[in-house]
């Protein structure tokens, strides 16, 4: 009974990859490629851990001087507290649904994920209470809060400048 070579018994695509891998190994490029791939995988696995340590700021218009605690922020964003001490309406600004910024904010402020708030906002909607305004980027939040004296928002601390006033800080995920 004749024996067939292992290369002939394998499907062509598998055989081609084996030949390519053998050639890379013999040329010394295999070790380099393997090290590069391991390096990329290591960086990819560390990426979320590095990004998870970003510092965030709760910001208001610079004309606001009152202090705000994280518990106050939760009440403001749930529209359970609707007015500043001077009687003006508070305008909370959220990041877009599904953004890492909003996920991190909800985790820190509400100790839950944003999706768990859908039933709450459905009930509030039928009572005439609308959810916070949503903006697409941290830069948009910065510009809005800087231009609207009634606004409150959250953004990475690295973006904070003199156009806004920081009332609270927290550590969260990436922007």
Protein backbone atom coordinates (compact mmCIF):
# COMPACT_ATOMS: atom_id res chain seq x y z
CA UNK A 1 0.00 0.00 0.00
CA UNK A 2 1.63 3.29 -1.06
CA UNK A 3 1.87 6.09 1.44
CA UNK A 4 1.05 9.63 0.51
CA UNK A 5 3.10 12.55 1.67
CA UNK A 6 1.61 14.63 4.44
CA UNK A 7 1.60 17.71 2.19
CA UNK A 8 -0.44 15.96 -0.47
CA UNK A 9 -3.04 14.77 2.05
CA UNK A 10 -3.64 18.25 3.40
CA UNK A 11 -6.00 20.76 1.79
CA UNK A 12 -4.12 23.20 -0.49
CA UNK A 13 -4.68 26.25 1.73
CA UNK A 14 -3.29 24.47 4.79
CA UNK A 15 -0.32 23.18 2.81
CA UNK A 16 0.47 26.68 1.50
CA UNK A 17 0.43 28.17 4.98
CA UNK A 18 2.71 25.39 6.26
CA UNK A 19 5.17 26.01 3.42
CA UNK A 20 5.09 29.76 4.07
CA UNK A 21 5.62 29.24 7.79
CA UNK A 22 8.54 26.87 7.12
CA UNK A 23 10.17 29.38 4.76
CA UNK A 24 9.72 32.20 7.29
CA UNK A 25 11.21 30.04 10.04
CA UNK A 26 14.28 29.19 7.97
CA UNK A 27 14.85 32.80 6.95
CA UNK A 28 14.78 34.08 10.53
CA UNK A 29 11.76 36.27 9.77
CA UNK A 30 9.48 33.84 11.61
CA UNK A 31 10.99 34.73 14.97
CA UNK A 32 10.72 38.45 14.19
CA UNK A 33 7.13 38.10 13.02
CA UNK A 34 6.27 36.06 16.09
CA UNK A 35 7.81 38.71 18.38
CA UNK A 36 5.96 41.49 16.60
CA UNK A 37 2.65 39.65 16.89
CA UNK A 38 3.27 38.93 20.58
CA UNK A 39 4.12 42.59 21.13
CA UNK A 40 0.93 43.74 19.40
CA UNK A 41 -1.14 41.27 21.41
CA UNK A 42 0.46 42.45 24.64
CA UNK A 43 -0.24 46.10 23.81
CA UNK A 44 -3.80 45.26 22.80
CA UNK A 45 -4.40 43.47 26.09
CA UNK A 46 -2.90 46.35 28.09
CA UNK A 47 -4.80 49.03 26.15
CA UNK A 48 -8.07 48.78 28.11
CA UNK A 49 -6.18 48.78 31.41
CA UNK A 50 -4.26 51.90 30.45
CA UNK A 51 -7.34 53.67 29.09
CA UNK A 52 -9.42 52.74 32.14
CA UNK A 53 -7.42 55.10 34.33
CA UNK A 54 -8.57 58.37 32.71
CA UNK A 55 -9.59 61.18 35.07
CA UNK A 56 -12.90 62.92 34.39
CA UNK A 57 -14.35 66.23 35.50
CA UNK A 58 -17.93 67.33 36.10
CA UNK A 59 -18.00 70.87 34.75
CA UNK A 60 -20.33 73.86 34.85
CA UNK A 61 -20.27 77.35 33.42
CA UNK A 62 -17.58 79.51 35.12
CA UNK A 63 -20.26 81.83 36.51
CA UNK A 64 -21.50 78.99 38.78
CA UNK A 65 -19.90 78.97 42.22
CA UNK A 66 -21.94 76.34 44.06
CA UNK A 67 -20.39 72.99 44.88
CA UNK A 68 -21.82 69.77 43.50
CA UNK A 69 -21.23 66.28 44.89
CA UNK A 70 -21.49 63.05 42.86
CA UNK A 71 -24.80 62.31 44.65
CA UNK A 72 -26.09 65.70 43.44
CA UNK A 73 -24.93 64.87 39.91
CA UNK A 74 -27.00 61.67 39.98
CA UNK A 75 -30.10 63.61 41.02
CA UNK A 76 -29.45 66.25 38.33
CA UNK A 77 -29.01 63.69 35.54
CA UNK A 78 -32.15 61.80 36.63
CA UNK A 79 -33.96 65.17 36.65
CA UNK A 80 -34.88 64.70 40.30
CA UNK A 81 -33.12 67.98 40.98
CA UNK A 82 -34.02 70.48 38.26
CA UNK A 83 -32.97 73.90 39.55
CA UNK A 84 -29.76 75.59 40.60
CA UNK A 85 -29.82 77.39 43.95
CA UNK A 86 -30.49 80.70 42.16
CA UNK A 87 -33.71 79.24 40.70
CA UNK A 88 -32.57 78.75 37.09
CA UNK A 89 -33.24 75.45 35.32
CA UNK A 90 -30.32 72.99 35.23
CA UNK A 91 -29.41 71.75 31.74
CA UNK A 92 -27.53 68.43 32.09
CA UNK A 93 -25.55 67.34 29.02
CA UNK A 94 -24.93 63.67 28.29
CA UNK A 95 -22.60 62.00 25.82
CA UNK A 96 -24.10 59.88 23.05
CA UNK A 97 -25.60 56.49 23.91
CA UNK A 98 -23.12 53.66 23.65
CA UNK A 99 -20.05 55.87 24.08
CA UNK A 100 -17.38 54.73 26.51
CA UNK A 101 -17.64 58.12 28.23
CA UNK A 102 -21.32 57.64 28.99
CA UNK A 103 -20.79 54.04 30.12
CA UNK A 104 -18.08 55.16 32.53
CA UNK A 105 -20.16 58.10 33.80
CA UNK A 106 -23.17 55.88 34.49
CA UNK A 107 -20.99 53.34 36.29
CA UNK A 108 -19.49 55.95 38.61
CA UNK A 109 -22.54 58.17 39.16
CA UNK A 110 -25.42 55.66 39.08
CA UNK A 111 -23.53 52.42 39.79
CA UNK A 112 -25.24 50.88 36.74
CA UNK A 113 -25.09 50.84 32.96
CA UNK A 114 -27.01 53.38 30.83
CA UNK A 115 -29.26 50.68 29.34
CA UNK A 116 -30.75 50.05 32.78
CA UNK A 117 -32.17 53.60 32.73
CA UNK A 118 -34.46 53.03 29.73
CA UNK A 119 -37.49 51.98 31.81
CA UNK A 120 -36.95 55.00 34.08
CA UNK A 121 -36.87 57.42 31.14
CA UNK A 122 -39.88 55.76 29.52
CA UNK A 123 -41.88 56.49 32.71
CA UNK A 124 -40.49 60.02 32.97
CA UNK A 125 -41.30 60.75 29.33
CA UNK A 126 -45.00 60.07 29.96
CA UNK A 127 -44.88 62.48 32.88
CA UNK A 128 -43.47 65.21 30.63
CA UNK A 129 -39.85 64.92 31.78
CA UNK A 130 -37.29 64.58 28.99
CA UNK A 131 -33.83 63.00 29.42
CA UNK A 132 -30.68 65.15 29.36
CA UNK A 133 -29.45 66.71 26.13
CA UNK A 134 -27.04 64.43 24.24
CA UNK A 135 -23.89 65.59 22.46
CA UNK A 136 -21.53 63.55 20.27
CA UNK A 137 -18.11 64.50 21.65
CA UNK A 138 -16.33 65.80 24.72
CA UNK A 139 -15.30 68.90 22.74
CA UNK A 140 -18.99 69.58 22.03
CA UNK A 141 -19.77 69.21 25.75
CA UNK A 142 -16.96 71.65 26.60
CA UNK A 143 -18.20 74.24 24.10
CA UNK A 144 -21.84 73.87 25.19
CA UNK A 145 -21.14 74.14 28.93
CA UNK A 146 -18.81 77.09 28.34
CA UNK A 147 -21.55 78.94 26.47
CA UNK A 148 -24.61 77.97 28.56
CA UNK A 149 -24.71 79.28 32.18
CA UNK A 150 -27.32 76.68 33.20
CA UNK A 151 -25.41 73.63 31.85
CA UNK A 152 -23.56 70.82 33.59
CA UNK A 153 -21.55 68.15 31.77
CA UNK A 154 -18.69 65.66 32.06
CA UNK A 155 -15.48 65.44 30.07
CA UNK A 156 -11.91 64.16 30.35
CA UNK A 157 -9.89 66.28 32.76
CA UNK A 158 -7.22 66.80 30.08
CA UNK A 159 -9.75 68.89 28.08
CA UNK A 160 -10.67 71.22 30.95
CA UNK A 161 -9.69 74.84 30.38
CA UNK A 162 -10.61 78.25 31.79
CA UNK A 163 -13.91 78.31 29.87
CA UNK A 164 -15.52 75.93 32.41
CA UNK A 165 -15.50 75.42 36.19
CA UNK A 166 -14.81 71.94 37.68
CA UNK A 167 -17.23 71.00 40.48
CA UNK A 168 -16.35 67.31 40.89
CA UNK A 169 -13.86 64.73 39.65
CA UNK A 170 -13.93 60.96 39.17
CA UNK A 171 -11.85 58.21 37.63
CA UNK A 172 -13.39 56.30 34.77
CA UNK A 173 -12.97 54.71 31.36
CA UNK A 174 -11.77 56.13 28.07
CA UNK A 175 -13.33 58.97 26.10
